[in-house]
Amino acid sequence: MEVCNVSDEKLIAEGYENLIKTVFSQFYQATILAKTPDEKSRAEQIFQTGIVFARQVRDRALAILPPV
């Protein structure tokens, strides 16, 4: 297994952290503004999709980092 640049991994982790904060913030706002159960449910679905996608992108980015 080839070693990646630790700073690249750290930057990807920080990017992931920022994405999660953004997704959470958007979920929070959408939940506050939801006027119906359907709107609240839609906000939850978008949140879940955003989290799953962020994880997938983070994992793929780490997997394809070129060696140092």
PDB file of N, CA and C in Angstrom:
ATOM      1  N   MET A   1       0.853  -1.190   0.000  1.00  0.00           N
ATOM      2  CA  MET A   1       0.000   0.000   0.000  1.00  0.00           C
ATOM      3  C   MET A   1       0.890   1.242   0.000  1.00  0.00           C
ATOM      4  N   GLU A   2       0.572   2.171  -0.834  1.00  0.00           N
ATOM      5  CA  GLU A   2       1.377   3.380  -0.933  1.00  0.00           C
ATOM      6  C   GLU A   2       0.879   4.431   0.052  1.00  0.00           C
ATOM      7  N   VAL A   3       1.805   5.209   0.553  1.00  0.00           N
ATOM      8  CA  VAL A   3       1.487   6.230   1.545  1.00  0.00           C
ATOM      9  C   VAL A   3       1.074   7.519   0.847  1.00  0.00           C
ATOM     10  N   CYS A   4       0.021   8.151   1.368  1.00  0.00           N
ATOM     11  CA  CYS A   4      -0.449   9.435   0.839  1.00  0.00           C
ATOM     12  C   CYS A   4       0.144  10.562   1.672  1.00  0.00           C
ATOM     13  N   ASN A   5       0.082  11.741   1.129  1.00  0.00           N
ATOM     14  CA  ASN A   5       0.529  12.919   1.842  1.00  0.00           C
ATOM     15  C   ASN A   5      -0.462  13.203   2.973  1.00  0.00           C
ATOM     16  N   VAL A   6       0.035  13.218   4.209  1.00  0.00           N
ATOM     17  CA  VAL A   6      -0.827  13.422   5.372  1.00  0.00           C
ATOM     18  C   VAL A   6      -1.581  14.746   5.279  1.00  0.00           C
ATOM     19  N   SER A   7      -0.940  15.773   4.751  1.00  0.00           N
ATOM     20  CA  SER A   7      -1.641  17.057   4.658  1.00  0.00           C
ATOM     21  C   SER A   7      -2.806  16.974   3.668  1.00  0.00           C
ATOM     22  N   ASP A   8      -2.665  16.166   2.609  1.00  0.00           N
ATOM     23  CA  ASP A   8      -3.788  15.966   1.690  1.00  0.00           C
ATOM     24  C   ASP A   8      -4.954  15.305   2.417  1.00  0.00           C
ATOM     25  N   GLU A   9      -4.650  14.291   3.206  1.00  0.00           N
ATOM     26  CA  GLU A   9      -5.694  13.601   3.970  1.00  0.00           C
ATOM     27  C   GLU A   9      -6.349  14.555   4.969  1.00  0.00           C
ATOM     28  N   LYS A  10      -5.542  15.376   5.598  1.00  0.00           N
ATOM     29  CA  LYS A  10      -6.075  16.347   6.560  1.00  0.00           C
ATOM     30  C   LYS A  10      -6.994  17.344   5.866  1.00  0.00           C
ATOM     31  N   LEU A  11      -6.586  17.818   4.702  1.00  0.00           N
ATOM     32  CA  LEU A  11      -7.411  18.778   3.957  1.00  0.00           C
ATOM     33  C   LEU A  11      -8.729  18.150   3.516  1.00  0.00           C
ATOM     34  N   ILE A  12      -8.680  16.893   3.110  1.00  0.00           N
ATOM     35  CA  ILE A  12      -9.916  16.199   2.733  1.00  0.00           C
ATOM     36  C   ILE A  12     -10.820  16.055   3.956  1.00  0.00           C
ATOM     37  N   ALA A  13     -10.239  15.704   5.093  1.00  0.00           N
ATOM     38  CA  ALA A  13     -11.027  15.585   6.329  1.00  0.00           C
ATOM     39  C   ALA A  13     -11.653  16.925   6.712  1.00  0.00           C
ATOM     40  N   GLU A  14     -10.891  17.998   6.545  1.00  0.00           N
ATOM     41  CA  GLU A  14     -11.429  19.334   6.853  1.00  0.00           C
ATOM     42  C   GLU A  14     -12.541  19.716   5.880  1.00  0.00           C
ATOM     43  N   GLY A  15     -12.357  19.366   4.607  1.00  0.00           N
ATOM     44  CA  GLY A  15     -13.399  19.627   3.623  1.00  0.00           C
ATOM     45  C   GLY A  15     -14.674  18.870   3.952  1.00  0.00           C
ATOM     46  N   TYR A  16     -14.511  17.620   4.358  1.00  0.00           N
ATOM     47  CA  TYR A  16     -15.659  16.805   4.757  1.00  0.00           C
ATOM     48  C   TYR A  16     -16.353  17.426   5.965  1.00  0.00           C
ATOM     49  N   GLU A  17     -15.577  17.847   6.942  1.00  0.00           N
ATOM     50  CA  GLU A  17     -16.136  18.483   8.132  1.00  0.00           C
ATOM     51  C   GLU A  17     -16.950  19.722   7.755  1.00  0.00           C
ATOM     52  N   ASN A  18     -16.411  20.526   6.850  1.00  0.00           N
ATOM     53  CA  ASN A  18     -17.124  21.726   6.401  1.00  0.00           C
ATOM     54  C   ASN A  18     -18.416  21.373   5.669  1.00  0.00           C
ATOM     55  N   LEU A  19     -18.373  20.323   4.863  1.00  0.00           N
ATOM     56  CA  LEU A  19     -19.589  19.890   4.167  1.00  0.00           C
ATOM     57  C   LEU A  19     -20.665  19.453   5.157  1.00  0.00           C
ATOM     58  N   ILE A  20     -20.256  18.677   6.151  1.00  0.00           N
ATOM     59  CA  ILE A  20     -21.224  18.209   7.145  1.00  0.00           C
ATOM     60  C   ILE A  20     -21.839  19.393   7.886  1.00  0.00           C
ATOM     61  N   LYS A  21     -21.019  20.375   8.222  1.00  0.00           N
ATOM     62  CA  LYS A  21     -21.546  21.573   8.887  1.00  0.00           C
ATOM     63  C   LYS A  21     -22.558  22.293   7.997  1.00  0.00           C
ATOM     64  N   THR A  22     -22.254  22.385   6.711  1.00  0.00           N
ATOM     65  CA  THR A  22     -23.161  23.048   5.770  1.00  0.00           C
ATOM     66  C   THR A  22     -24.465  22.272   5.627  1.00  0.00           C
ATOM     67  N   VAL A  23     -24.349  20.960   5.473  1.00  0.00           N
ATOM     68  CA  VAL A  23     -25.554  20.124   5.329  1.00  0.00           C
ATOM     69  C   VAL A  23     -26.407  20.234   6.590  1.00  0.00           C
ATOM     70  N   PHE A  24     -25.776  20.197   7.748  1.00  0.00           N
ATOM     71  CA  PHE A  24     -26.527  20.327   8.992  1.00  0.00           C
ATOM     72  C   PHE A  24     -27.205  21.687   9.093  1.00  0.00           C
ATOM     73  N   SER A  25     -26.483  22.740   8.747  1.00  0.00           N
ATOM     74  CA  SER A  25     -27.039  24.083   8.813  1.00  0.00           C
ATOM     75  C   SER A  25     -28.259  24.221   7.897  1.00  0.00           C
ATOM     76  N   GLN A  26     -28.147  23.663   6.701  1.00  0.00           N
ATOM     77  CA  GLN A  26     -29.272  23.708   5.767  1.00  0.00           C
ATOM     78  C   GLN A  26     -30.458  22.899   6.293  1.00  0.00           C
ATOM     79  N   PHE A  27     -30.165  21.761   6.905  1.00  0.00           N
ATOM     80  CA  PHE A  27     -31.230  20.946   7.497  1.00  0.00           C
ATOM     81  C   PHE A  27     -31.914  21.702   8.630  1.00  0.00           C
ATOM     82  N   TYR A  28     -31.124  22.341   9.446  1.00  0.00           N
ATOM     83  CA  TYR A  28     -31.661  23.125  10.552  1.00  0.00           C
ATOM     84  C   TYR A  28     -32.615  24.208  10.034  1.00  0.00           C
ATOM     85  N   GLN A  29     -32.164  24.951   9.038  1.00  0.00           N
ATOM     86  CA  GLN A  29     -32.991  26.018   8.469  1.00  0.00           C
ATOM     87  C   GLN A  29     -34.267  25.466   7.840  1.00  0.00           C
ATOM     88  N   ALA A  30     -34.120  24.384   7.080  1.00  0.00           N
ATOM     89  CA  ALA A  30     -35.289  23.799   6.419  1.00  0.00           C
ATOM     90  C   ALA A  30     -36.289  23.268   7.442  1.00  0.00           C
ATOM     91  N   THR A  31     -35.786  22.723   8.544  1.00  0.00           N
ATOM     92  CA  THR A  31     -36.679  22.206   9.585  1.00  0.00           C
ATOM     93  C   THR A  31     -37.426  23.339  10.270  1.00  0.00           C
ATOM     94  N   ILE A  32     -36.722  24.416  10.534  1.00  0.00           N
ATOM     95  CA  ILE A  32     -37.369  25.576  11.163  1.00  0.00           C
ATOM     96  C   ILE A  32     -38.457  26.146  10.252  1.00  0.00           C
ATOM     97  N   LEU A  33     -38.187  26.200   8.963  1.00  0.00           N
ATOM     98  CA  LEU A  33     -39.116  26.812   8.015  1.00  0.00           C
ATOM     99  C   LEU A  33     -40.232  25.868   7.561  1.00  0.00           C
ATOM    100  N   ALA A  34     -40.078  24.571   7.858  1.00  0.00           N
ATOM    101  CA  ALA A  34     -41.081  23.597   7.416  1.00  0.00           C
ATOM    102  C   ALA A  34     -42.432  23.897   8.060  1.00  0.00           C
ATOM    103  N   LYS A  35     -43.437  23.979   7.223  1.00  0.00           N
ATOM    104  CA  LYS A  35     -44.780  24.290   7.712  1.00  0.00           C
ATOM    105  C   LYS A  35     -45.684  23.056   7.730  1.00  0.00           C
ATOM    106  N   THR A  36     -45.274  22.023   7.043  1.00  0.00           N
ATOM    107  CA  THR A  36     -46.087  20.803   6.976  1.00  0.00           C
ATOM    108  C   THR A  36     -45.204  19.591   7.270  1.00  0.00           C
ATOM    109  N   PRO A  37     -45.823  18.485   7.648  1.00  0.00           N
ATOM    110  CA  PRO A  37     -45.045  17.255   7.842  1.00  0.00           C
ATOM    111  C   PRO A  37     -44.304  16.823   6.561  1.00  0.00           C
ATOM    112  N   ASP A  38     -44.904  17.072   5.396  1.00  0.00           N
ATOM    113  CA  ASP A  38     -44.239  16.732   4.139  1.00  0.00           C
ATOM    114  C   ASP A  38     -42.968  17.561   3.943  1.00  0.00           C
ATOM    115  N   GLU A  39     -43.016  18.839   4.270  1.00  0.00           N
ATOM    116  CA  GLU A  39     -41.830  19.685   4.154  1.00  0.00           C
ATOM    117  C   GLU A  39     -40.741  19.227   5.124  1.00  0.00           C
ATOM    118  N   LYS A  40     -41.134  18.852   6.331  1.00  0.00           N
ATOM    119  CA  LYS A  40     -40.169  18.369   7.313  1.00  0.00           C
ATOM    120  C   LYS A  40     -39.561  17.047   6.846  1.00  0.00           C
ATOM    121  N   SER A  41     -40.382  16.181   6.292  1.00  0.00           N
ATOM    122  CA  SER A  41     -39.902  14.902   5.770  1.00  0.00           C
ATOM    123  C   SER A  41     -38.937  15.106   4.613  1.00  0.00           C
ATOM    124  N   ARG A  42     -39.254  16.050   3.743  1.00  0.00           N
ATOM    125  CA  ARG A  42     -38.374  16.359   2.605  1.00  0.00           C
ATOM    126  C   ARG A  42     -37.031  16.898   3.094  1.00  0.00           C
ATOM    127  N   ALA A  43     -37.061  17.738   4.110  1.00  0.00           N
ATOM    128  CA  ALA A  43     -35.818  18.258   4.685  1.00  0.00           C
ATOM    129  C   ALA A  43     -34.966  17.113   5.238  1.00  0.00           C
ATOM    130  N   GLU A  44     -35.601  16.146   5.864  1.00  0.00           N
ATOM    131  CA  GLU A  44     -34.882  14.987   6.401  1.00  0.00           C
ATOM    132  C   GLU A  44     -34.270  14.149   5.283  1.00  0.00           C
ATOM    133  N   GLN A  45     -35.019  13.964   4.208  1.00  0.00           N
ATOM    134  CA  GLN A  45     -34.503  13.188   3.073  1.00  0.00           C
ATOM    135  C   GLN A  45     -33.297  13.874   2.442  1.00  0.00           C
ATOM    136  N   ILE A  46     -33.385  15.180   2.272  1.00  0.00           N
ATOM    137  CA  ILE A  46     -32.271  15.940   1.691  1.00  0.00           C
ATOM    138  C   ILE A  46     -31.051  15.860   2.604  1.00  0.00           C
ATOM    139  N   PHE A  47     -31.274  15.961   3.917  1.00  0.00           N
ATOM    140  CA  PHE A  47     -30.178  15.852   4.874  1.00  0.00           C
ATOM    141  C   PHE A  47     -29.486  14.493   4.753  1.00  0.00           C
ATOM    142  N   GLN A  48     -30.278  13.437   4.758  1.00  0.00           N
ATOM    143  CA  GLN A  48     -29.706  12.088   4.670  1.00  0.00           C
ATOM    144  C   GLN A  48     -28.927  11.896   3.372  1.00  0.00           C
ATOM    145  N   THR A  49     -29.486  12.357   2.278  1.00  0.00           N
ATOM    146  CA  THR A  49     -28.805  12.248   0.987  1.00  0.00           C
ATOM    147  C   THR A  49     -27.501  13.026   0.993  1.00  0.00           C
ATOM    148  N   GLY A  50     -27.516  14.220   1.553  1.00  0.00           N
ATOM    149  CA  GLY A  50     -26.309  15.039   1.626  1.00  0.00           C
ATOM    150  C   GLY A  50     -25.215  14.380   2.444  1.00  0.00           C
ATOM    151  N   ILE A  51     -25.584  13.768   3.571  1.00  0.00           N
ATOM    152  CA  ILE A  51     -24.604  13.094   4.418  1.00  0.00           C
ATOM    153  C   ILE A  51     -24.007  11.895   3.695  1.00  0.00           C
ATOM    154  N   VAL A  52     -24.857  11.083   3.084  1.00  0.00           N
ATOM    155  CA  VAL A  52     -24.378   9.902   2.362  1.00  0.00           C
ATOM    156  C   VAL A  52     -23.445  10.312   1.225  1.00  0.00           C
ATOM    157  N   PHE A  53     -23.832  11.317   0.470  1.00  0.00           N
ATOM    158  CA  PHE A  53     -23.013  11.769  -0.657  1.00  0.00           C
ATOM    159  C   PHE A  53     -21.671  12.320  -0.179  1.00  0.00           C
ATOM    160  N   ALA A  54     -21.691  13.103   0.897  1.00  0.00           N
ATOM    161  CA  ALA A  54     -20.442  13.652   1.439  1.00  0.00           C
ATOM    162  C   ALA A  54     -19.507  12.527   1.881  1.00  0.00           C
ATOM    163  N   ARG A  55     -20.047  11.504   2.518  1.00  0.00           N
ATOM    164  CA  ARG A  55     -19.226  10.363   2.928  1.00  0.00           C
ATOM    165  C   ARG A  55     -18.622   9.653   1.724  1.00  0.00           C
ATOM    166  N   GLN A  56     -19.443   9.439   0.709  1.00  0.00           N
ATOM    167  CA  GLN A  56     -18.968   8.745  -0.490  1.00  0.00           C
ATOM    168  C   GLN A  56     -17.854   9.527  -1.175  1.00  0.00           C
ATOM    169  N   VAL A  57     -18.029  10.818  -1.297  1.00  0.00           N
ATOM    170  CA  VAL A  57     -17.020  11.650  -1.949  1.00  0.00           C
ATOM    171  C   VAL A  57     -15.736  11.664  -1.125  1.00  0.00           C
ATOM    172  N   ARG A  58     -15.860  11.817   0.193  1.00  0.00           N
ATOM    173  CA  ARG A  58     -14.674  11.793   1.063  1.00  0.00           C
ATOM    174  C   ARG A  58     -13.920  10.472   0.916  1.00  0.00           C
ATOM    175  N   ASP A  59     -14.651   9.368   1.003  1.00  0.00           N
ATOM    176  CA  ASP A  59     -14.014   8.053   0.920  1.00  0.00           C
ATOM    177  C   ASP A  59     -13.347   7.837  -0.432  1.00  0.00           C
ATOM    178  N   ARG A  60     -14.009   8.277  -1.490  1.00  0.00           N
ATOM    179  CA  ARG A  60     -13.426   8.109  -2.824  1.00  0.00           C
ATOM    180  C   ARG A  60     -12.185   8.983  -2.993  1.00  0.00           C
ATOM    181  N   ALA A  61     -12.253  10.223  -2.499  1.00  0.00           N
ATOM    182  CA  ALA A  61     -11.098  11.115  -2.589  1.00  0.00           C
ATOM    183  C   ALA A  61      -9.891  10.512  -1.872  1.00  0.00           C
ATOM    184  N   LEU A  62     -10.115   9.958  -0.688  1.00  0.00           N
ATOM    185  CA  LEU A  62      -9.014   9.338   0.041  1.00  0.00           C
ATOM    186  C   LEU A  62      -8.468   8.118  -0.693  1.00  0.00           C
ATOM    187  N   ALA A  63      -9.362   7.378  -1.323  1.00  0.00           N
ATOM    188  CA  ALA A  63      -8.951   6.160  -2.037  1.00  0.00           C
ATOM    189  C   ALA A  63      -8.114   6.454  -3.279  1.00  0.00           C
ATOM    190  N   ILE A  64      -8.346   7.586  -3.908  1.00  0.00           N
ATOM    191  CA  ILE A  64      -7.659   7.856  -5.185  1.00  0.00           C
ATOM    192  C   ILE A  64      -6.517   8.863  -5.058  1.00  0.00           C
ATOM    193  N   LEU A  65      -6.181   9.249  -3.835  1.00  0.00           N
ATOM    194  CA  LEU A  65      -5.050  10.168  -3.672  1.00  0.00           C
ATOM    195  C   LEU A  65      -3.800   9.527  -4.285  1.00  0.00           C
ATOM    196  N   PRO A  66      -3.093  10.284  -5.112  1.00  0.00           N
ATOM    197  CA  PRO A  66      -1.863   9.728  -5.677  1.00  0.00           C
ATOM    198  C   PRO A  66      -0.787   9.627  -4.597  1.00  0.00           C
ATOM    199  N   PRO A  67       0.160   8.710  -4.784  1.00  0.00           N
ATOM    200  CA  PRO A  67       1.238   8.593  -3.817  1.00  0.00           C
ATOM    201  C   PRO A  67       2.110   9.836  -3.803  1.00  0.00           C
ATOM    202  N   VAL A  68       2.767  10.020  -2.687  1.00  0.00           N
ATOM    203  CA  VAL A  68       3.652  11.179  -2.526  1.00  0.00           C
ATOM    204  C   VAL A  68       4.927  10.964  -3.313  1.00  0.00           C
TER     205      VAL A  68
END
